Amino acid sequence: MESTVVDVPEKGRFEIRQGERVVGLASYHVDNGQMTLPHTEVDPSVGGQGMGTKLVAGVLTAARERGLTVLPYCSFVRHYIQQHPEDLDLVAEADRPTFGLETAAR
């Protein structure tokens, strides 16, 4: 089944959906040009299918399109950025040490 990542700003989150069913979410808050990402979760029934990865990729793509930097407080988002150094530029250089990302670009 096709999955899609959808911004639901009235709930302050992105959702990943299979059809109409919400199978995961990433909460966010935008302020002063930064998107704070405190939490992601995926329904265990779809675990191992890459839904979390697809969700975070969609969130970071949206942040990039909106010209925002990100504050990856969520450990899953941080791990994704470590595994995808092409997205490291979304974390302001001054913020990288806070999130343990100062060496991710090497």
PDB file of N, CA and C in Angstrom:
ATOM      1  N   MET A   1       0.836  -1.189   0.000  1.00  0.00           N
ATOM      2  CA  MET A   1       0.000   0.000   0.000  1.00  0.00           C
ATOM      3  C   MET A   1       0.879   1.249   0.000  1.00  0.00           C
ATOM      4  N   GLU A   2       0.466   2.242  -0.736  1.00  0.00           N
ATOM      5  CA  GLU A   2       1.201   3.503  -0.853  1.00  0.00           C
ATOM      6  C   GLU A   2       1.178   4.265   0.466  1.00  0.00           C
ATOM      7  N   SER A   3       2.319   4.823   0.838  1.00  0.00           N
ATOM      8  CA  SER A   3       2.391   5.654   2.037  1.00  0.00           C
ATOM      9  C   SER A   3       2.727   7.087   1.626  1.00  0.00           C
ATOM     10  N   THR A   4       2.170   8.052   2.369  1.00  0.00           N
ATOM     11  CA  THR A   4       2.397   9.455   2.090  1.00  0.00           C
ATOM     12  C   THR A   4       2.676  10.195   3.390  1.00  0.00           C
ATOM     13  N   VAL A   5       3.504  11.229   3.293  1.00  0.00           N
ATOM     14  CA  VAL A   5       3.805  12.091   4.429  1.00  0.00           C
ATOM     15  C   VAL A   5       3.024  13.383   4.232  1.00  0.00           C
ATOM     16  N   VAL A   6       2.254  13.756   5.268  1.00  0.00           N
ATOM     17  CA  VAL A   6       1.344  14.895   5.185  1.00  0.00           C
ATOM     18  C   VAL A   6       1.591  15.823   6.373  1.00  0.00           C
ATOM     19  N   ASP A   7       1.681  17.118   6.116  1.00  0.00           N
ATOM     20  CA  ASP A   7       1.784  18.105   7.183  1.00  0.00           C
ATOM     21  C   ASP A   7       0.386  18.390   7.716  1.00  0.00           C
ATOM     22  N   VAL A   8       0.236  18.330   9.031  1.00  0.00           N
ATOM     23  CA  VAL A   8      -1.036  18.635   9.686  1.00  0.00           C
ATOM     24  C   VAL A   8      -0.753  19.757  10.688  1.00  0.00           C
ATOM     25  N   PRO A   9      -0.611  20.996  10.180  1.00  0.00           N
ATOM     26  CA  PRO A   9      -0.161  22.089  11.038  1.00  0.00           C
ATOM     27  C   PRO A   9      -1.084  22.387  12.214  1.00  0.00           C
ATOM     28  N   GLU A  10      -2.372  22.158  12.059  1.00  0.00           N
ATOM     29  CA  GLU A  10      -3.293  22.413  13.168  1.00  0.00           C
ATOM     30  C   GLU A  10      -3.055  21.467  14.351  1.00  0.00           C
ATOM     31  N   LYS A  11      -2.389  20.350  14.093  1.00  0.00           N
ATOM     32  CA  LYS A  11      -2.014  19.417  15.162  1.00  0.00           C
ATOM     33  C   LYS A  11      -0.534  19.516  15.506  1.00  0.00           C
ATOM     34  N   GLY A  12       0.213  20.355  14.765  1.00  0.00           N
ATOM     35  CA  GLY A  12       1.645  20.507  15.016  1.00  0.00           C
ATOM     36  C   GLY A  12       2.422  19.236  14.747  1.00  0.00           C
ATOM     37  N   ARG A  13       2.066  18.561  13.659  1.00  0.00           N
ATOM     38  CA  ARG A  13       2.767  17.317  13.352  1.00  0.00           C
ATOM     39  C   ARG A  13       2.665  16.969  11.871  1.00  0.00           C
ATOM     40  N   PHE A  14       3.628  16.172  11.454  1.00  0.00           N
ATOM     41  CA  PHE A  14       3.560  15.507  10.170  1.00  0.00           C
ATOM     42  C   PHE A  14       3.055  14.101  10.454  1.00  0.00           C
ATOM     43  N   GLU A  15       2.283  13.576   9.543  1.00  0.00           N
ATOM     44  CA  GLU A  15       1.792  12.200   9.669  1.00  0.00           C
ATOM     45  C   GLU A  15       2.250  11.405   8.463  1.00  0.00           C
ATOM     46  N   ILE A  16       2.510  10.132   8.678  1.00  0.00           N
ATOM     47  CA  ILE A  16       2.713   9.219   7.560  1.00  0.00           C
ATOM     48  C   ILE A  16       1.489   8.327   7.547  1.00  0.00           C
ATOM     49  N   ARG A  17       0.910   8.219   6.368  1.00  0.00           N
ATOM     50  CA  ARG A  17      -0.351   7.489   6.215  1.00  0.00           C
ATOM     51  C   ARG A  17      -0.217   6.390   5.185  1.00  0.00           C
ATOM     52  N   GLN A  18      -0.883   5.293   5.475  1.00  0.00           N
ATOM     53  CA  GLN A  18      -1.075   4.232   4.482  1.00  0.00           C
ATOM     54  C   GLN A  18      -2.547   4.313   4.126  1.00  0.00           C
ATOM     55  N   GLY A  19      -2.819   4.767   2.922  1.00  0.00           N
ATOM     56  CA  GLY A  19      -4.201   5.066   2.574  1.00  0.00           C
ATOM     57  C   GLY A  19      -4.667   6.207   3.477  1.00  0.00           C
ATOM     58  N   GLU A  20      -5.745   5.995   4.196  1.00  0.00           N
ATOM     59  CA  GLU A  20      -6.262   7.006   5.127  1.00  0.00           C
ATOM     60  C   GLU A  20      -5.797   6.754   6.558  1.00  0.00           C
ATOM     61  N   ARG A  21      -5.124   5.649   6.791  1.00  0.00           N
ATOM     62  CA  ARG A  21      -4.702   5.272   8.153  1.00  0.00           C
ATOM     63  C   ARG A  21      -3.391   5.947   8.541  1.00  0.00           C
ATOM     64  N   VAL A  22      -3.397   6.653   9.669  1.00  0.00           N
ATOM     65  CA  VAL A  22      -2.183   7.267  10.196  1.00  0.00           C
ATOM     66  C   VAL A  22      -1.370   6.166  10.875  1.00  0.00           C
ATOM     67  N   VAL A  23      -0.137   5.958  10.404  1.00  0.00           N
ATOM     68  CA  VAL A  23       0.715   4.908  10.967  1.00  0.00           C
ATOM     69  C   VAL A  23       1.944   5.468  11.670  1.00  0.00           C
ATOM     70  N   GLY A  24       2.098   6.793  11.646  1.00  0.00           N
ATOM     71  CA  GLY A  24       3.215   7.413  12.337  1.00  0.00           C
ATOM     72  C   GLY A  24       3.066   8.913  12.348  1.00  0.00           C
ATOM     73  N   LEU A  25       3.840   9.551  13.236  1.00  0.00           N
ATOM     74  CA  LEU A  25       3.795  11.006  13.321  1.00  0.00           C
ATOM     75  C   LEU A  25       5.125  11.549  13.804  1.00  0.00           C
ATOM     76  N   ALA A  26       5.351  12.800  13.445  1.00  0.00           N
ATOM     77  CA  ALA A  26       6.521  13.550  13.921  1.00  0.00           C
ATOM     78  C   ALA A  26       5.997  14.906  14.377  1.00  0.00           C
ATOM     79  N   SER A  27       6.080  15.162  15.670  1.00  0.00           N
ATOM     80  CA  SER A  27       5.611  16.448  16.168  1.00  0.00           C
ATOM     81  C   SER A  27       6.655  17.517  15.879  1.00  0.00           C
ATOM     82  N   TYR A  28       6.181  18.753  15.707  1.00  0.00           N
ATOM     83  CA  TYR A  28       7.105  19.849  15.411  1.00  0.00           C
ATOM     84  C   TYR A  28       6.529  21.170  15.883  1.00  0.00           C
ATOM     85  N   HIS A  29       7.432  22.133  15.961  1.00  0.00           N
ATOM     86  CA  HIS A  29       7.066  23.516  16.267  1.00  0.00           C
ATOM     87  C   HIS A  29       8.019  24.401  15.481  1.00  0.00           C
ATOM     88  N   VAL A  30       7.489  25.424  14.836  1.00  0.00           N
ATOM     89  CA  VAL A  30       8.330  26.344  14.070  1.00  0.00           C
ATOM     90  C   VAL A  30       8.329  27.705  14.759  1.00  0.00           C
ATOM     91  N   ASP A  31       9.538  28.239  14.965  1.00  0.00           N
ATOM     92  CA  ASP A  31       9.699  29.552  15.574  1.00  0.00           C
ATOM     93  C   ASP A  31      11.042  30.131  15.123  1.00  0.00           C
ATOM     94  N   ASN A  32      11.042  31.376  14.726  1.00  0.00           N
ATOM     95  CA  ASN A  32      12.278  32.082  14.345  1.00  0.00           C
ATOM     96  C   ASN A  32      13.114  31.322  13.313  1.00  0.00           C
ATOM     97  N   GLY A  33      12.457  30.765  12.313  1.00  0.00           N
ATOM     98  CA  GLY A  33      13.182  30.097  11.240  1.00  0.00           C
ATOM     99  C   GLY A  33      13.727  28.721  11.582  1.00  0.00           C
ATOM    100  N   GLN A  34      13.303  28.187  12.739  1.00  0.00           N
ATOM    101  CA  GLN A  34      13.762  26.856  13.146  1.00  0.00           C
ATOM    102  C   GLN A  34      12.573  25.928  13.368  1.00  0.00           C
ATOM    103  N   MET A  35      12.733  24.692  12.919  1.00  0.00           N
ATOM    104  CA  MET A  35      11.729  23.660  13.165  1.00  0.00           C
ATOM    105  C   MET A  35      12.268  22.754  14.277  1.00  0.00           C
ATOM    106  N   THR A  36      11.625  22.798  15.421  1.00  0.00           N
ATOM    107  CA  THR A  36      11.990  21.933  16.542  1.00  0.00           C
ATOM    108  C   THR A  36      11.281  20.598  16.353  1.00  0.00           C
ATOM    109  N   LEU A  37      12.047  19.512  16.448  1.00  0.00           N
ATOM    110  CA  LEU A  37      11.515  18.155  16.251  1.00  0.00           C
ATOM    111  C   LEU A  37      11.732  17.343  17.527  1.00  0.00           C
ATOM    112  N   PRO A  38      10.748  17.359  18.442  1.00  0.00           N
ATOM    113  CA  PRO A  38      10.943  16.689  19.720  1.00  0.00           C
ATOM    114  C   PRO A  38      10.607  15.200  19.740  1.00  0.00           C
ATOM    115  N   HIS A  39       9.767  14.721  18.804  1.00  0.00           N
ATOM    116  CA  HIS A  39       9.256  13.360  18.967  1.00  0.00           C
ATOM    117  C   HIS A  39       8.763  12.787  17.643  1.00  0.00           C
ATOM    118  N   THR A  40       9.078  11.520  17.417  1.00  0.00           N
ATOM    119  CA  THR A  40       8.470  10.756  16.323  1.00  0.00           C
ATOM    120  C   THR A  40       7.991   9.436  16.896  1.00  0.00           C
ATOM    121  N   GLU A  41       6.985   8.883  16.267  1.00  0.00           N
ATOM    122  CA  GLU A  41       6.539   7.539  16.636  1.00  0.00           C
ATOM    123  C   GLU A  41       5.898   6.873  15.429  1.00  0.00           C
ATOM    124  N   VAL A  42       6.025   5.549  15.389  1.00  0.00           N
ATOM    125  CA  VAL A  42       5.453   4.746  14.317  1.00  0.00           C
ATOM    126  C   VAL A  42       4.707   3.592  14.959  1.00  0.00           C
ATOM    127  N   ASP A  43       3.546   3.287  14.422  1.00  0.00           N
ATOM    128  CA  ASP A  43       2.731   2.173  14.909  1.00  0.00           C
ATOM    129  C   ASP A  43       3.551   0.882  14.802  1.00  0.00           C
ATOM    130  N   PRO A  44       3.665   0.132  15.903  1.00  0.00           N
ATOM    131  CA  PRO A  44       4.449  -1.111  15.872  1.00  0.00           C
ATOM    132  C   PRO A  44       3.974  -2.111  14.809  1.00  0.00           C
ATOM    133  N   SER A  45       2.708  -2.008  14.402  1.00  0.00           N
ATOM    134  CA  SER A  45       2.183  -2.948  13.403  1.00  0.00           C
ATOM    135  C   SER A  45       2.832  -2.767  12.035  1.00  0.00           C
ATOM    136  N   VAL A  46       3.503  -1.620  11.815  1.00  0.00           N
ATOM    137  CA  VAL A  46       4.189  -1.399  10.545  1.00  0.00           C
ATOM    138  C   VAL A  46       5.704  -1.293  10.746  1.00  0.00           C
ATOM    139  N   GLY A  47       6.155  -1.722  11.908  1.00  0.00           N
ATOM    140  CA  GLY A  47       7.582  -1.697  12.211  1.00  0.00           C
ATOM    141  C   GLY A  47       8.378  -2.491  11.195  1.00  0.00           C
ATOM    142  N   GLY A  48       9.588  -2.029  10.902  1.00  0.00           N
ATOM    143  CA  GLY A  48      10.466  -2.732   9.976  1.00  0.00           C
ATOM    144  C   GLY A  48      10.160  -2.491   8.512  1.00  0.00           C
ATOM    145  N   GLN A  49       9.208  -1.605   8.225  1.00  0.00           N
ATOM    146  CA  GLN A  49       8.836  -1.327   6.837  1.00  0.00           C
ATOM    147  C   GLN A  49       9.398   0.007   6.340  1.00  0.00           C
ATOM    148  N   GLY A  50      10.238   0.653   7.151  1.00  0.00           N
ATOM    149  CA  GLY A  50      10.849   1.906   6.728  1.00  0.00           C
ATOM    150  C   GLY A  50       9.961   3.126   6.867  1.00  0.00           C
ATOM    151  N   MET A  51       8.861   2.986   7.611  1.00  0.00           N
ATOM    152  CA  MET A  51       7.935   4.111   7.755  1.00  0.00           C
ATOM    153  C   MET A  51       8.574   5.281   8.499  1.00  0.00           C
ATOM    154  N   GLY A  52       9.338   5.011   9.542  1.00  0.00           N
ATOM    155  CA  GLY A  52       9.993   6.086  10.289  1.00  0.00           C
ATOM    156  C   GLY A  52      10.984   6.832   9.417  1.00  0.00           C
ATOM    157  N   THR A  53      11.745   6.093   8.630  1.00  0.00           N
ATOM    158  CA  THR A  53      12.718   6.702   7.730  1.00  0.00           C
ATOM    159  C   THR A  53      12.021   7.569   6.695  1.00  0.00           C
ATOM    160  N   LYS A  54      10.961   7.067   6.114  1.00  0.00           N
ATOM    161  CA  LYS A  54      10.217   7.834   5.112  1.00  0.00           C
ATOM    162  C   LYS A  54       9.591   9.071   5.750  1.00  0.00           C
ATOM    163  N   LEU A  55       9.097   8.940   6.962  1.00  0.00           N
ATOM    164  CA  LEU A  55       8.507  10.071   7.678  1.00  0.00           C
ATOM    165  C   LEU A  55       9.537  11.172   7.895  1.00  0.00           C
ATOM    166  N   VAL A  56      10.695  10.817   8.452  1.00  0.00           N
ATOM    167  CA  VAL A  56      11.728  11.816   8.731  1.00  0.00           C
ATOM    168  C   VAL A  56      12.238  12.441   7.435  1.00  0.00           C
ATOM    169  N   ALA A  57      12.407  11.646   6.395  1.00  0.00           N
ATOM    170  CA  ALA A  57      12.838  12.194   5.108  1.00  0.00           C
ATOM    171  C   ALA A  57      11.844  13.249   4.622  1.00  0.00           C
ATOM    172  N   GLY A  58      10.564  12.965   4.761  1.00  0.00           N
ATOM    173  CA  GLY A  58       9.536  13.920   4.345  1.00  0.00           C
ATOM    174  C   GLY A  58       9.554  15.196   5.172  1.00  0.00           C
ATOM    175  N   VAL A  59       9.755  15.049   6.473  1.00  0.00           N
ATOM    176  CA  VAL A  59       9.817  16.213   7.363  1.00  0.00           C
ATOM    177  C   VAL A  59      11.014  17.090   6.996  1.00  0.00           C
ATOM    178  N   LEU A  60      12.175  16.476   6.797  1.00  0.00           N
ATOM    179  CA  LEU A  60      13.367  17.251   6.474  1.00  0.00           C
ATOM    180  C   LEU A  60      13.259  17.900   5.097  1.00  0.00           C
ATOM    181  N   THR A  61      12.625  17.233   4.166  1.00  0.00           N
ATOM    182  CA  THR A  61      12.389  17.836   2.850  1.00  0.00           C
ATOM    183  C   THR A  61      11.510  19.076   2.994  1.00  0.00           C
ATOM    184  N   ALA A  62      10.474  18.981   3.809  1.00  0.00           N
ATOM    185  CA  ALA A  62       9.589  20.133   4.039  1.00  0.00           C
ATOM    186  C   ALA A  62      10.350  21.276   4.697  1.00  0.00           C
ATOM    187  N   ALA A  63      11.193  20.961   5.676  1.00  0.00           N
ATOM    188  CA  ALA A  63      11.986  22.006   6.343  1.00  0.00           C
ATOM    189  C   ALA A  63      12.888  22.705   5.323  1.00  0.00           C
ATOM    190  N   ARG A  64      13.528  21.919   4.471  1.00  0.00           N
ATOM    191  CA  ARG A  64      14.417  22.484   3.449  1.00  0.00           C
ATOM    192  C   ARG A  64      13.620  23.383   2.495  1.00  0.00           C
ATOM    193  N   GLU A  65      12.471  22.919   2.030  1.00  0.00           N
ATOM    194  CA  GLU A  65      11.647  23.695   1.105  1.00  0.00           C
ATOM    195  C   GLU A  65      11.187  25.008   1.722  1.00  0.00           C
ATOM    196  N   ARG A  66      11.007  25.030   3.035  1.00  0.00           N
ATOM    197  CA  ARG A  66      10.540  26.230   3.734  1.00  0.00           C
ATOM    198  C   ARG A  66      11.692  27.121   4.209  1.00  0.00           C
ATOM    199  N   GLY A  67      12.919  26.702   3.941  1.00  0.00           N
ATOM    200  CA  GLY A  67      14.078  27.496   4.323  1.00  0.00           C
ATOM    201  C   GLY A  67      14.336  27.504   5.822  1.00  0.00           C
ATOM    202  N   LEU A  68      13.974  26.417   6.499  1.00  0.00           N
ATOM    203  CA  LEU A  68      14.128  26.321   7.952  1.00  0.00           C
ATOM    204  C   LEU A  68      15.348  25.486   8.320  1.00  0.00           C
ATOM    205  N   THR A  69      15.926  25.778   9.482  1.00  0.00           N
ATOM    206  CA  THR A  69      16.889  24.858  10.069  1.00  0.00           C
ATOM    207  C   THR A  69      16.106  23.986  11.049  1.00  0.00           C
ATOM    208  N   VAL A  70      16.710  22.882  11.467  1.00  0.00           N
ATOM    209  CA  VAL A  70      16.014  21.975  12.374  1.00  0.00           C
ATOM    210  C   VAL A  70      16.790  21.802  13.676  1.00  0.00           C
ATOM    211  N   LEU A  71      16.040  21.571  14.730  1.00  0.00           N
ATOM    212  CA  LEU A  71      16.585  21.226  16.042  1.00  0.00           C
ATOM    213  C   LEU A  71      16.133  19.796  16.322  1.00  0.00           C
ATOM    214  N   PRO A  72      16.993  18.810  16.065  1.00  0.00           N
ATOM    215  CA  PRO A  72      16.598  17.403  16.150  1.00  0.00           C
ATOM    216  C   PRO A  72      16.682  16.833  17.579  1.00  0.00           C
ATOM    217  N   TYR A  73      15.766  17.246  18.434  1.00  0.00           N
ATOM    218  CA  TYR A  73      15.743  16.715  19.799  1.00  0.00           C
ATOM    219  C   TYR A  73      15.373  15.232  19.815  1.00  0.00           C
ATOM    220  N   CYS A  74      14.608  14.793  18.844  1.00  0.00           N
ATOM    221  CA  CYS A  74      14.225  13.380  18.746  1.00  0.00           C
ATOM    222  C   CYS A  74      15.442  12.545  18.328  1.00  0.00           C
ATOM    223  N   SER A  75      15.709  11.490  19.084  1.00  0.00           N
ATOM    224  CA  SER A  75      16.883  10.655  18.796  1.00  0.00           C
ATOM    225  C   SER A  75      16.784   9.971  17.433  1.00  0.00           C
ATOM    226  N   PHE A  76      15.582   9.638  16.994  1.00  0.00           N
ATOM    227  CA  PHE A  76      15.425   8.995  15.686  1.00  0.00           C
ATOM    228  C   PHE A  76      15.802   9.968  14.569  1.00  0.00           C
ATOM    229  N   VAL A  77      15.398  11.221  14.715  1.00  0.00           N
ATOM    230  CA  VAL A  77      15.747  12.241  13.720  1.00  0.00           C
ATOM    231  C   VAL A  77      17.262  12.448  13.702  1.00  0.00           C
ATOM    232  N   ARG A  78      17.879  12.524  14.879  1.00  0.00           N
ATOM    233  CA  ARG A  78      19.345  12.674  14.945  1.00  0.00           C
ATOM    234  C   ARG A  78      20.033  11.509  14.249  1.00  0.00           C
ATOM    235  N   HIS A  79      19.582  10.312  14.528  1.00  0.00           N
ATOM    236  CA  HIS A  79      20.182   9.127  13.908  1.00  0.00           C
ATOM    237  C   HIS A  79      20.023   9.182  12.383  1.00  0.00           C
ATOM    238  N   TYR A  80      18.860   9.596  11.927  1.00  0.00           N
ATOM    239  CA  TYR A  80      18.635   9.715  10.484  1.00  0.00           C
ATOM    240  C   TYR A  80      19.655  10.683   9.882  1.00  0.00           C
ATOM    241  N   ILE A  81      19.839  11.837  10.507  1.00  0.00           N
ATOM    242  CA  ILE A  81      20.785  12.838   9.988  1.00  0.00           C
ATOM    243  C   ILE A  81      22.208  12.284  10.001  1.00  0.00           C
ATOM    244  N   GLN A  82      22.567  11.517  11.025  1.00  0.00           N
ATOM    245  CA  GLN A  82      23.894  10.903  11.057  1.00  0.00           C
ATOM    246  C   GLN A  82      24.079   9.939   9.888  1.00  0.00           C
ATOM    247  N   GLN A  83      23.017   9.245   9.526  1.00  0.00           N
ATOM    248  CA  GLN A  83      23.076   8.275   8.431  1.00  0.00           C
ATOM    249  C   GLN A  83      22.935   8.939   7.056  1.00  0.00           C
ATOM    250  N   HIS A  84      22.477  10.185   7.035  1.00  0.00           N
ATOM    251  CA  HIS A  84      22.261  10.927   5.782  1.00  0.00           C
ATOM    252  C   HIS A  84      22.951  12.292   5.893  1.00  0.00           C
ATOM    253  N   PRO A  85      24.285  12.317   5.819  1.00  0.00           N
ATOM    254  CA  PRO A  85      25.025  13.567   6.026  1.00  0.00           C
ATOM    255  C   PRO A  85      24.663  14.668   5.036  1.00  0.00           C
ATOM    256  N   GLU A  86      24.023  14.319   3.927  1.00  0.00           N
ATOM    257  CA  GLU A  86      23.578  15.351   2.989  1.00  0.00           C
ATOM    258  C   GLU A  86      22.508  16.255   3.605  1.00  0.00           C
ATOM    259  N   ASP A  87      21.915  15.824   4.725  1.00  0.00           N
ATOM    260  CA  ASP A  87      20.911  16.636   5.424  1.00  0.00           C
ATOM    261  C   ASP A  87      21.488  17.375   6.632  1.00  0.00           C
ATOM    262  N   LEU A  88      22.762  17.196   6.903  1.00  0.00           N
ATOM    263  CA  LEU A  88      23.382  17.845   8.065  1.00  0.00           C
ATOM    264  C   LEU A  88      23.283  19.366   7.990  1.00  0.00           C
ATOM    265  N   ASP A  89      23.298  19.912   6.783  1.00  0.00           N
ATOM    266  CA  ASP A  89      23.211  21.366   6.634  1.00  0.00           C
ATOM    267  C   ASP A  89      21.914  21.940   7.178  1.00  0.00           C
ATOM    268  N   LEU A  90      20.911  21.106   7.410  1.00  0.00           N
ATOM    269  CA  LEU A  90      19.651  21.577   7.988  1.00  0.00           C
ATOM    270  C   LEU A  90      19.797  21.916   9.471  1.00  0.00           C
ATOM    271  N   VAL A  91      20.849  21.416  10.104  1.00  0.00           N
ATOM    272  CA  VAL A  91      21.133  21.745  11.500  1.00  0.00           C
ATOM    273  C   VAL A  91      22.183  22.847  11.474  1.00  0.00           C
ATOM    274  N   ALA A  92      21.853  23.997  12.046  1.00  0.00           N
ATOM    275  CA  ALA A  92      22.800  25.115  12.061  1.00  0.00           C
ATOM    276  C   ALA A  92      24.118  24.649  12.680  1.00  0.00           C
ATOM    277  N   GLU A  93      25.210  25.101  12.111  1.00  0.00           N
ATOM    278  CA  GLU A  93      26.531  24.664  12.566  1.00  0.00           C
ATOM    279  C   GLU A  93      26.712  24.877  14.069  1.00  0.00           C
ATOM    280  N   ALA A  94      26.216  25.983  14.579  1.00  0.00           N
ATOM    281  CA  ALA A  94      26.354  26.284  16.012  1.00  0.00           C
ATOM    282  C   ALA A  94      25.545  25.324  16.886  1.00  0.00           C
ATOM    283  N   ASP A  95      24.499  24.711  16.310  1.00  0.00           N
ATOM    284  CA  ASP A  95      23.644  23.789  17.074  1.00  0.00           C
ATOM    285  C   ASP A  95      24.131  22.341  17.020  1.00  0.00           C
ATOM    286  N   ARG A  96      24.996  22.013  16.101  1.00  0.00           N
ATOM    287  CA  ARG A  96      25.414  20.620  15.908  1.00  0.00           C
ATOM    288  C   ARG A  96      26.028  19.993  17.157  1.00  0.00           C
ATOM    289  N   PRO A  97      26.901  20.685  17.896  1.00  0.00           N
ATOM    290  CA  PRO A  97      27.453  20.063  19.105  1.00  0.00           C
ATOM    291  C   PRO A  97      26.385  19.702  20.138  1.00  0.00           C
ATOM    292  N   THR A  98      25.334  20.501  20.222  1.00  0.00           N
ATOM    293  CA  THR A  98      24.240  20.235  21.161  1.00  0.00           C
ATOM    294  C   THR A  98      23.618  18.873  20.902  1.00  0.00           C
ATOM    295  N   PHE A  99      23.601  18.475  19.636  1.00  0.00           N
ATOM    296  CA  PHE A  99      22.945  17.226  19.239  1.00  0.00           C
ATOM    297  C   PHE A  99      23.923  16.114  18.891  1.00  0.00           C
ATOM    298  N   GLY A 100      25.197  16.316  19.209  1.00  0.00           N
ATOM    299  CA  GLY A 100      26.193  15.294  18.928  1.00  0.00           C
ATOM    300  C   GLY A 100      26.452  15.112  17.456  1.00  0.00           C
ATOM    301  N   LEU A 101      26.248  16.161  16.674  1.00  0.00           N
ATOM    302  CA  LEU A 101      26.406  16.072  15.222  1.00  0.00           C
ATOM    303  C   LEU A 101      27.628  16.806  14.708  1.00  0.00           C
ATOM    304  N   GLU A 102      28.509  17.252  15.598  1.00  0.00           N
ATOM    305  CA  GLU A 102      29.658  18.036  15.162  1.00  0.00           C
ATOM    306  C   GLU A 102      30.611  17.245  14.263  1.00  0.00           C
ATOM    307  N   THR A 103      30.632  15.941  14.382  1.00  0.00           N
ATOM    308  CA  THR A 103      31.539  15.135  13.555  1.00  0.00           C
ATOM    309  C   THR A 103      30.813  14.377  12.463  1.00  0.00           C
ATOM    310  N   ALA A 104      29.513  14.572  12.324  1.00  0.00           N
ATOM    311  CA  ALA A 104      28.734  13.803  11.358  1.00  0.00           C
ATOM    312  C   ALA A 104      29.149  14.087   9.915  1.00  0.00           C
ATOM    313  N   ALA A 105      29.699  15.263   9.656  1.00  0.00           N
ATOM    314  CA  ALA A 105      30.072  15.620   8.282  1.00  0.00           C
ATOM    315  C   ALA A 105      31.390  14.995   7.842  1.00  0.00           C
ATOM    316  N   ARG A 106      32.141  14.424   8.760  1.00  0.00           N
ATOM    317  CA  ARG A 106      33.448  13.853   8.414  1.00  0.00           C
ATOM    318  C   ARG A 106      33.337  12.517   7.770  1.00  0.00           C
TER     319      ARG A 106
END
